[in-house]
């Protein structure tokens, strides 16, 4: 059976010249993918889960092609990683050129200029005009952990506050910062000391509480239970990712930032998922003119190669002793080459504007569904980072079972979507910024059909 619901279109940004179409030639997953999944089960730890067991051989624009020849619409971007598109030509060219020169020296042993150039670019494009410094790492979790280390060293304090519904990683410290138990924390304790949790602004579930009022509630809890004098840092996602694409009410972030400034607490913005044009601004902090002390970045930074960064105020970043931060692979030359090409693409192709255009399509289509389907409790997010929260139409309670059915039905029809949320009832849309309008709309139609029939 072959299903081709839209004609091939030109890939607007990046990616090889793959036909931009949804095409099903087998069931999902197909027989070759099923065979590979059996090998995965026999060879790979069962703890490494797979959302959709289709095994990919090519990607670009807005599609992924699997080993069975199916072409799937990609509304996940590898969890917001391939913002410029999969195998974007500039990235491929830059990495190939670096590969021919050298692959590794360890920057802390024998350095190279591309690391410096990435740092200079991040210092320029991140929020604020103050003097900045940058350090490069491998993953979002590693960058978060180092941001906390730097804040503790700078302040001489130990306590760290994270928020309800937060996700910051899977290492011992970042797992401690992460709120959700299953699957991220269950059975993996004990957790890191001096990590505390505070209430988040969650407009759908806190009665639309005013952002300033919600922040004052949070501050009161911090002052009573921890004490500002003991607090090294407050870390927050400007829009929560795994927690359910929660956008805090206006004024929440700004009020927290002002309190941090007044009390010598380092304000850390975790922009691992929200960074690099994803929300219709280069960084989500830009939407509310928030200038964090430290900003943590990863995912969309290098077109799919492993790289992360902490950028922040020079006096804070310079506090640790030489050798106190770093690592063998941090700022690997291949990843730096990819990052420079990726960052250039965001700016030269005006992908901030493209994210806004995608957001207009997403919110328009999803709000149209919400208007007549009370199971869609909320449509939220910014730019190309939009989600729907699915609920029981009678009670408003989270409906994780419905969410699972809708995602499974979309997958079966060749559309990759991801679920998230503390309650498992959120479908998130993170299309590559290289997707065409036609392909995006078709993917949304498939999801709408899946919801109507769930």
Protein backbone atom coordinates (compact mmCIF):
# COMPACT_ATOMS: atom_id res chain seq x y z
CA UNK A 1 0.00 0.00 0.00
CA UNK A 2 1.34 3.44 -0.91
CA UNK A 3 -0.03 6.61 0.61
CA UNK A 4 1.20 9.90 -0.80
CA UNK A 5 -0.92 12.70 0.56
CA UNK A 6 1.10 15.66 -0.66
CA UNK A 7 3.33 16.26 -3.68
CA UNK A 8 7.07 16.71 -3.20
CA UNK A 9 8.03 20.28 -2.37
CA UNK A 10 11.34 22.08 -2.31
CA UNK A 11 13.11 21.90 1.02
CA UNK A 12 13.11 25.55 2.14
CA UNK A 13 16.16 25.36 4.41
CA UNK A 14 18.89 22.71 4.50
CA UNK A 15 18.75 18.98 4.12
CA UNK A 16 19.53 16.73 1.19
CA UNK A 17 17.13 16.71 -1.73
CA UNK A 18 14.77 14.12 -0.31
CA UNK A 19 11.22 14.14 -1.67
CA UNK A 20 9.22 16.11 0.87
CA UNK A 21 6.31 13.72 1.16
CA UNK A 22 4.59 11.35 3.54
CA UNK A 23 4.89 7.94 1.97
CA UNK A 24 3.90 4.60 3.51
CA UNK A 25 4.96 1.47 1.66
CA UNK A 26 4.68 -0.88 4.65
CA UNK A 27 2.94 -0.89 7.98
CA UNK A 28 4.69 1.09 10.71
CA UNK A 29 7.06 -0.34 11.77
CA UNK A 30 7.93 -2.28 8.61
CA UNK A 31 9.55 -5.72 8.51
CA UNK A 32 13.14 -4.47 8.28
CA UNK A 33 12.59 -2.13 11.22
CA UNK A 34 11.01 -4.95 13.17
CA UNK A 35 14.08 -7.10 12.53
CA UNK A 36 16.36 -4.32 13.76
CA UNK A 37 14.18 -3.83 16.81
CA UNK A 38 14.64 -7.50 17.64
CA UNK A 39 18.42 -7.01 17.38
CA UNK A 40 18.14 -3.91 19.57
CA UNK A 41 16.28 -5.91 22.21
CA UNK A 42 19.01 -8.55 22.20
CA UNK A 43 21.97 -6.15 22.22
CA UNK A 44 20.97 -2.86 23.88
CA UNK A 45 20.08 -2.22 27.51
CA UNK A 46 16.33 -2.44 28.09
CA UNK A 47 16.64 0.89 29.91
CA UNK A 48 17.20 2.62 26.55
CA UNK A 49 13.64 3.06 25.34
CA UNK A 50 12.42 3.88 21.83
CA UNK A 51 9.40 6.06 21.08
CA UNK A 52 8.82 4.74 17.56
CA UNK A 53 10.80 1.67 16.41
CA UNK A 54 11.37 2.72 12.81
CA UNK A 55 15.04 2.67 11.86
CA UNK A 56 16.15 5.71 9.90
CA UNK A 57 18.46 5.77 6.87
CA UNK A 58 18.00 9.37 5.66
CA UNK A 59 16.56 12.68 6.81
CA UNK A 60 16.17 16.23 5.60
CA UNK A 61 13.71 19.09 5.31
CA UNK A 62 10.69 17.84 7.21
CA UNK A 63 10.97 14.08 6.64
CA UNK A 64 12.75 11.00 7.92
CA UNK A 65 13.06 7.92 5.67
CA UNK A 66 13.23 4.51 7.30
CA UNK A 67 14.94 1.30 6.24
CA UNK A 68 11.68 -0.02 4.75
CA UNK A 69 11.32 3.00 2.44
CA UNK A 70 8.64 4.79 4.42
CA UNK A 71 8.90 8.58 4.48
CA UNK A 72 7.59 10.04 7.73
CA UNK A 73 6.73 13.64 8.58
CA UNK A 74 9.06 14.75 11.37
CA UNK A 75 7.32 16.86 14.01
CA UNK A 76 9.92 16.11 16.68
CA UNK A 77 13.33 17.20 15.33
CA UNK A 78 15.05 14.61 17.51
CA UNK A 79 13.66 16.53 20.52
CA UNK A 80 14.35 20.03 19.15
CA UNK A 81 17.87 19.23 17.91
CA UNK A 82 17.66 19.50 14.11
CA UNK A 83 16.30 23.02 13.96
CA UNK A 84 18.17 23.77 10.73
CA UNK A 85 17.08 20.43 9.27
CA UNK A 86 18.71 17.02 9.21
CA UNK A 87 22.08 16.88 7.43
CA UNK A 88 21.86 20.56 6.57
CA UNK A 89 24.30 21.24 3.70
CA UNK A 90 26.32 23.92 5.51
CA UNK A 91 26.72 21.65 8.51
CA UNK A 92 27.74 18.66 6.40
CA UNK A 93 30.28 20.73 4.49
CA UNK A 94 31.78 22.26 7.62
CA UNK A 95 32.10 18.93 9.44
CA UNK A 96 33.60 17.21 6.39
CA UNK A 97 36.23 19.94 6.08
CA UNK A 98 37.12 19.69 9.77
CA UNK A 99 37.21 15.88 9.57
CA UNK A 100 39.90 16.14 6.90
CA UNK A 101 42.02 18.39 9.16
CA UNK A 102 41.87 16.72 12.60
CA UNK A 103 39.21 15.14 14.80
CA UNK A 104 40.50 15.71 18.33
CA UNK A 105 43.25 17.25 20.39
CA UNK A 106 41.30 18.08 23.59
CA UNK A 107 40.90 21.84 23.85
CA UNK A 108 42.39 21.85 27.35
CA UNK A 109 45.56 20.19 26.00
CA UNK A 110 46.19 21.70 22.56
CA UNK A 111 43.47 24.25 21.72
CA UNK A 112 42.04 25.40 18.38
CA UNK A 113 40.30 28.51 17.15
CA UNK A 114 36.84 27.09 16.40
CA UNK A 115 36.13 26.68 20.14
CA UNK A 116 36.93 30.36 20.64
CA UNK A 117 34.78 31.35 17.67
CA UNK A 118 31.78 29.43 19.04
CA UNK A 119 32.28 31.14 22.41
CA UNK A 120 32.49 34.56 20.76
CA UNK A 121 29.27 33.90 18.82
CA UNK A 122 27.37 32.75 21.90
CA UNK A 123 28.63 35.73 23.89
CA UNK A 124 27.22 37.95 21.14
CA UNK A 125 23.80 36.40 20.59
CA UNK A 126 22.74 35.46 24.13
CA UNK A 127 20.65 37.98 26.13
CA UNK A 128 22.38 41.00 27.64
CA UNK A 129 25.15 43.40 26.66
CA UNK A 130 27.40 42.75 29.67
CA UNK A 131 30.84 41.13 29.46
CA UNK A 132 30.43 37.37 29.04
CA UNK A 133 32.42 34.17 29.01
CA UNK A 134 31.49 30.73 27.62
CA UNK A 135 32.52 27.14 28.34
CA UNK A 136 31.64 24.23 26.04
CA UNK A 137 30.53 20.73 27.02
CA UNK A 138 28.84 17.71 25.40
CA UNK A 139 25.23 17.42 26.58
CA UNK A 140 22.54 19.52 28.14
CA UNK A 141 22.84 17.66 31.43
CA UNK A 142 26.59 18.24 31.52
CA UNK A 143 26.12 21.95 30.89
CA UNK A 144 23.46 22.22 33.61
CA UNK A 145 25.71 20.45 36.08
CA UNK A 146 28.59 22.80 35.30
CA UNK A 147 26.36 25.86 35.59
CA UNK A 148 25.47 24.77 39.11
CA UNK A 149 29.14 24.12 39.91
CA UNK A 150 30.09 27.59 38.69
CA UNK A 151 27.28 29.25 40.66
CA UNK A 152 28.26 27.46 43.85
CA UNK A 153 31.90 28.39 43.43
CA UNK A 154 31.07 32.04 42.74
CA UNK A 155 28.63 32.49 45.64
CA UNK A 156 30.25 30.20 48.20
CA UNK A 157 26.77 28.77 48.86
CA UNK A 158 25.40 25.28 48.25
CA UNK A 159 21.60 25.29 47.93
CA UNK A 160 19.93 25.20 44.50
CA UNK A 161 16.23 25.70 43.70
CA UNK A 162 14.51 23.97 40.79
CA UNK A 163 10.81 23.92 39.97
CA UNK A 164 7.79 21.65 39.81
CA UNK A 165 7.53 19.95 36.38
CA UNK A 166 11.20 20.73 35.63
CA UNK A 167 13.49 18.61 33.49
CA UNK A 168 17.25 19.23 33.58
CA UNK A 169 18.87 15.87 32.76
CA UNK A 170 19.73 12.36 33.90
CA UNK A 171 23.03 12.63 35.79
CA UNK A 172 22.84 12.38 39.58
CA UNK A 173 22.72 16.15 40.07
CA UNK A 174 20.49 16.97 37.10
CA UNK A 175 18.21 14.02 37.89
CA UNK A 176 17.87 15.58 41.35
CA UNK A 177 16.85 18.87 39.71
CA UNK A 178 14.34 17.04 37.48
CA UNK A 179 10.86 16.78 38.99
CA UNK A 180 9.32 13.76 37.28
CA UNK A 181 9.91 10.41 38.95
CA UNK A 182 8.94 7.96 36.19
CA UNK A 183 10.99 7.14 34.20
CA UNK A 184 13.78 9.57 35.06
CA UNK A 185 14.36 9.08 38.79
CA UNK A 186 12.59 5.90 39.84
CA UNK A 187 15.05 3.51 41.50
CA UNK A 188 18.11 5.68 40.88
CA UNK A 189 18.55 7.34 44.29
CA UNK A 190 20.02 8.58 46.49
CA UNK A 191 19.95 12.00 44.93
CA UNK A 192 22.20 15.03 45.25
CA UNK A 193 22.07 17.08 48.43
CA UNK A 194 21.00 20.71 48.78
CA UNK A 195 18.48 20.61 45.90
CA UNK A 196 15.08 22.10 46.68
CA UNK A 197 11.85 22.36 44.71
CA UNK A 198 9.55 25.36 44.39
CA UNK A 199 6.11 25.84 42.79
CA UNK A 200 5.96 26.78 39.11
CA UNK A 201 3.52 29.10 37.41
CA UNK A 202 1.21 26.72 35.47
CA UNK A 203 -1.73 28.85 34.26
CA UNK A 204 -3.99 25.95 33.26
CA UNK A 205 -3.66 24.20 36.62
CA UNK A 206 -3.19 27.01 39.11
CA UNK A 207 -6.38 28.86 38.18
CA UNK A 208 -4.60 31.35 35.94
CA UNK A 209 -2.74 32.79 38.92
CA UNK A 210 -1.11 36.13 38.11
CA UNK A 211 2.59 35.72 37.35
CA UNK A 212 3.76 38.23 39.94
CA UNK A 213 1.57 36.68 42.62
CA UNK A 214 2.78 33.19 41.68
CA UNK A 215 6.40 34.37 41.92
CA UNK A 216 5.80 35.90 45.35
CA UNK A 217 4.36 32.57 46.50
CA UNK A 218 7.53 30.86 45.27
CA UNK A 219 9.81 33.44 46.89
CA UNK A 220 8.00 33.12 50.21
CA UNK A 221 8.56 29.37 50.19
CA UNK A 222 12.25 29.79 49.36
CA UNK A 223 12.81 32.33 52.09
CA UNK A 224 11.02 30.26 54.72
CA UNK A 225 12.39 26.83 53.84
CA UNK A 226 15.91 27.57 52.57
CA UNK A 227 16.92 31.17 53.22
CA UNK A 228 18.32 33.45 50.54
CA UNK A 229 21.67 33.54 52.33
CA UNK A 230 22.10 29.80 51.67
CA UNK A 231 20.99 29.81 48.05
CA UNK A 232 23.61 29.65 45.29
CA UNK A 233 21.30 29.49 42.29
CA UNK A 234 17.79 29.28 40.99
CA UNK A 235 17.49 27.28 37.76
CA UNK A 236 14.44 27.45 35.52
CA UNK A 237 13.34 26.66 31.97
CA UNK A 238 11.72 29.83 30.53
CA UNK A 239 9.26 27.44 28.89
CA UNK A 240 9.30 24.02 30.48
CA UNK A 241 10.01 21.21 28.03
CA UNK A 242 9.52 17.66 29.28
CA UNK A 243 7.22 19.04 31.98
CA UNK A 244 4.62 19.88 29.34
CA UNK A 245 5.63 23.04 27.42
CA UNK A 246 4.42 25.12 30.34
CA UNK A 247 4.65 28.86 29.66
CA UNK A 248 4.68 30.73 32.99
CA UNK A 249 2.30 33.64 33.42
CA UNK A 250 3.68 37.07 32.48
CA UNK A 251 5.74 38.58 35.26
CA UNK A 252 6.71 35.29 36.90
CA UNK A 253 10.24 35.15 35.49
CA UNK A 254 10.89 38.86 35.87
CA UNK A 255 9.83 38.86 39.53
CA UNK A 256 12.05 35.87 40.31
CA UNK A 257 14.97 37.52 38.49
CA UNK A 258 14.57 40.75 40.46
CA UNK A 259 14.57 38.80 43.74
CA UNK A 260 17.70 36.90 42.70
CA UNK A 261 19.47 40.15 41.86
CA UNK A 262 18.52 41.65 45.24
CA UNK A 263 19.78 38.60 47.14
CA UNK A 264 22.97 37.65 45.29
CA UNK A 265 21.44 34.47 43.89
CA UNK A 266 22.61 33.31 40.45
CA UNK A 267 19.68 33.12 38.00
CA UNK A 268 20.27 30.21 35.58
CA UNK A 269 18.08 29.92 32.47
CA UNK A 270 17.99 26.38 31.09
CA UNK A 271 17.43 26.98 27.37
CA UNK A 272 18.49 23.50 26.27
CA UNK A 273 15.17 22.90 24.49
CA UNK A 274 13.99 26.48 23.96
CA UNK A 275 17.18 27.96 22.54
CA UNK A 276 18.21 28.86 19.00
CA UNK A 277 15.15 30.29 17.25
CA UNK A 278 12.88 27.49 18.48
CA UNK A 279 10.35 29.80 20.19
CA UNK A 280 10.32 32.56 17.59
CA UNK A 281 13.14 34.42 19.34
CA UNK A 282 16.79 33.43 19.43
CA UNK A 283 16.21 32.51 23.10
CA UNK A 284 12.97 32.17 25.04
CA UNK A 285 14.25 34.70 27.60
CA UNK A 286 14.07 37.33 24.86
CA UNK A 287 10.27 37.22 24.87
CA UNK A 288 10.17 38.86 28.30
CA UNK A 289 13.50 40.74 28.17
CA UNK A 290 14.97 38.42 30.79
CA UNK A 291 18.76 38.62 31.08
CA UNK A 292 19.95 35.59 33.07
CA UNK A 293 23.25 35.44 34.91
CA UNK A 294 24.00 32.09 33.26
CA UNK A 295 22.30 30.53 30.24
CA UNK A 296 22.55 26.81 29.45
CA UNK A 297 22.32 25.65 25.82
CA UNK A 298 22.49 22.38 23.87
CA UNK A 299 20.14 20.51 21.46
CA UNK A 300 19.75 22.94 18.52
CA UNK A 301 23.26 24.35 18.84
CA UNK A 302 25.13 22.13 16.37
CA UNK A 303 22.75 20.59 13.85
CA UNK A 304 22.75 17.19 15.51
CA UNK A 305 26.32 16.87 16.75
CA UNK A 306 26.87 16.66 20.51
CA UNK A 307 27.68 20.07 21.94
CA UNK A 308 26.46 22.19 24.83
CA UNK A 309 27.45 25.46 26.44
CA UNK A 310 27.21 27.65 29.49
CA UNK A 311 27.41 31.38 28.77
CA UNK A 312 27.25 33.98 31.49
CA UNK A 313 28.51 37.05 33.26
CA UNK A 314 32.27 37.23 33.07
CA UNK A 315 32.77 37.58 36.82
CA UNK A 316 30.72 34.45 37.49
CA UNK A 317 32.18 32.34 34.69
CA UNK A 318 35.73 33.34 35.67
CA UNK A 319 35.26 32.35 39.33
CA UNK A 320 36.39 28.68 39.15
CA UNK A 321 40.10 27.92 39.24
CA UNK A 322 41.87 26.92 36.02
CA UNK A 323 41.09 23.26 35.35
CA UNK A 324 37.96 23.39 37.49
CA UNK A 325 35.69 23.04 34.48
CA UNK A 326 36.26 21.31 31.14
CA UNK A 327 36.46 17.75 29.89
CA UNK A 328 38.00 15.49 27.29
CA UNK A 329 35.41 15.99 24.56
CA UNK A 330 33.90 19.36 25.50
CA UNK A 331 34.00 21.63 22.44
CA UNK A 332 35.13 18.82 20.14
CA UNK A 333 36.42 20.33 16.85
CA UNK A 334 33.83 18.49 14.72
CA UNK A 335 31.01 19.74 16.95
CA UNK A 336 32.43 23.27 16.91
CA UNK A 337 32.56 23.25 13.11
CA UNK A 338 28.96 22.08 13.03
CA UNK A 339 27.92 24.73 15.55
CA UNK A 340 29.48 27.58 13.58
CA UNK A 341 27.65 26.45 10.43
CA UNK A 342 24.41 25.95 12.37
CA UNK A 343 24.55 29.32 14.12
CA UNK A 344 25.27 31.04 10.81
CA UNK A 345 22.25 29.30 9.27
CA UNK A 346 19.91 30.50 12.03
CA UNK A 347 20.93 34.08 11.38
CA UNK A 348 21.45 34.14 7.61
CA UNK A 349 18.25 32.19 6.87
CA UNK A 350 16.22 34.23 9.39
CA UNK A 351 14.96 31.12 11.13
CA UNK A 352 13.63 33.17 14.03
CA UNK A 353 10.99 34.50 11.62
CA UNK A 354 10.44 31.02 10.20
CA UNK A 355 9.73 29.71 13.71
CA UNK A 356 7.11 32.43 14.14
CA UNK A 357 5.47 31.43 10.86
CA UNK A 358 5.40 27.79 11.95
CA UNK A 359 3.92 28.88 15.28
CA UNK A 360 1.13 30.74 13.53
CA UNK A 361 0.20 27.60 11.59
CA UNK A 362 0.43 25.34 14.64
CA UNK A 363 -1.60 27.53 16.98
CA UNK A 364 -4.17 28.36 14.33
CA UNK A 365 -4.85 24.73 13.44
CA UNK A 366 -4.70 23.45 17.02
CA UNK A 367 -6.94 26.19 18.43
CA UNK A 368 -9.46 25.39 15.69
CA UNK A 369 -9.56 21.82 17.01
CA UNK A 370 -9.83 23.04 20.59
CA UNK A 371 -12.83 25.19 19.68
CA UNK A 372 -15.01 22.13 19.12
CA UNK A 373 -13.20 19.39 21.08
CA UNK A 374 -13.27 19.88 24.85
CA UNK A 375 -10.64 17.16 25.28
CA UNK A 376 -8.06 19.72 24.17
CA UNK A 377 -7.68 21.53 27.48
CA UNK A 378 -4.97 23.91 26.37
CA UNK A 379 -2.90 25.01 23.37
CA UNK A 380 0.30 26.67 24.49
CA UNK A 381 3.90 27.44 23.68
CA UNK A 382 5.72 29.85 21.42
CA UNK A 383 7.01 29.72 17.87
CA UNK A 384 7.83 26.21 16.70
CA UNK A 385 7.46 24.86 20.25
CA UNK A 386 3.73 24.26 20.69
CA UNK A 387 1.76 21.67 22.64
CA UNK A 388 -1.76 20.51 23.34
CA UNK A 389 -2.77 19.24 26.75
CA UNK A 390 -5.42 16.52 26.54
CA UNK A 391 -7.94 16.17 29.34
CA UNK A 392 -11.14 14.42 30.30
CA UNK A 393 -13.84 16.59 28.73
CA UNK A 394 -16.09 16.29 31.78
CA UNK A 395 -13.60 16.78 34.62
CA UNK A 396 -10.62 18.55 33.07
CA UNK A 397 -8.32 15.94 34.61
CA UNK A 398 -5.24 14.85 32.60
CA UNK A 399 -5.95 12.04 30.12
CA UNK A 400 -2.70 10.16 29.52
CA UNK A 401 -4.46 7.18 27.92
CA UNK A 402 -6.04 9.37 25.24
CA UNK A 403 -2.69 11.04 24.60
CA UNK A 404 -1.01 7.68 24.12
CA UNK A 405 -3.70 6.55 21.67
CA UNK A 406 -3.47 9.72 19.60
CA UNK A 407 0.32 9.52 19.37
CA UNK A 408 0.22 5.85 18.42
CA UNK A 409 -2.37 6.50 15.70
CA UNK A 410 -0.29 9.37 14.27
CA UNK A 411 2.81 7.18 14.26
CA UNK A 412 0.95 4.44 12.39
CA UNK A 413 0.07 6.98 9.69
CA UNK A 414 3.63 8.19 9.27
CA UNK A 415 3.78 11.28 11.50
CA UNK A 416 6.36 11.47 14.27
CA UNK A 417 5.02 13.28 17.35
CA UNK A 418 6.31 13.26 20.91
CA UNK A 419 4.44 13.19 24.20
CA UNK A 420 5.49 14.84 27.44
CA UNK A 421 4.14 16.37 30.63
CA UNK A 422 4.21 15.48 34.30
CA UNK A 423 0.89 13.71 33.81
CA UNK A 424 1.78 12.16 30.42
CA UNK A 425 -1.07 14.00 28.70
CA UNK A 426 0.71 16.50 26.45
CA UNK A 427 1.52 16.16 22.74
CA UNK A 428 4.36 18.46 21.73
CA UNK A 429 5.12 19.79 18.28
CA UNK A 430 8.78 20.52 17.51
CA UNK A 431 9.09 20.48 13.71
CA UNK A 432 12.42 21.29 12.10
CA UNK A 433 12.46 24.89 10.95
CA UNK A 434 13.22 23.51 7.48
CA UNK A 435 9.77 21.92 7.13
CA UNK A 436 7.48 23.18 4.36
CA UNK A 437 4.05 24.62 5.16
CA UNK A 438 2.33 21.88 3.13
CA UNK A 439 4.08 19.10 5.03
CA UNK A 440 3.40 20.74 8.39
CA UNK A 441 -0.29 21.15 7.64
CA UNK A 442 -0.55 17.54 6.46
CA UNK A 443 1.07 16.32 9.65
CA UNK A 444 -1.39 18.32 11.73
CA UNK A 445 -4.29 16.90 9.72
CA UNK A 446 -3.11 13.39 10.54
CA UNK A 447 -2.93 14.25 14.25
CA UNK A 448 -6.38 15.86 14.11
CA UNK A 449 -7.80 12.73 12.47
CA UNK A 450 -6.14 10.55 15.10
CA UNK A 451 -7.68 12.65 17.88
CA UNK A 452 -11.13 12.60 16.28
CA UNK A 453 -11.04 8.81 16.08
CA UNK A 454 -9.41 8.14 19.47
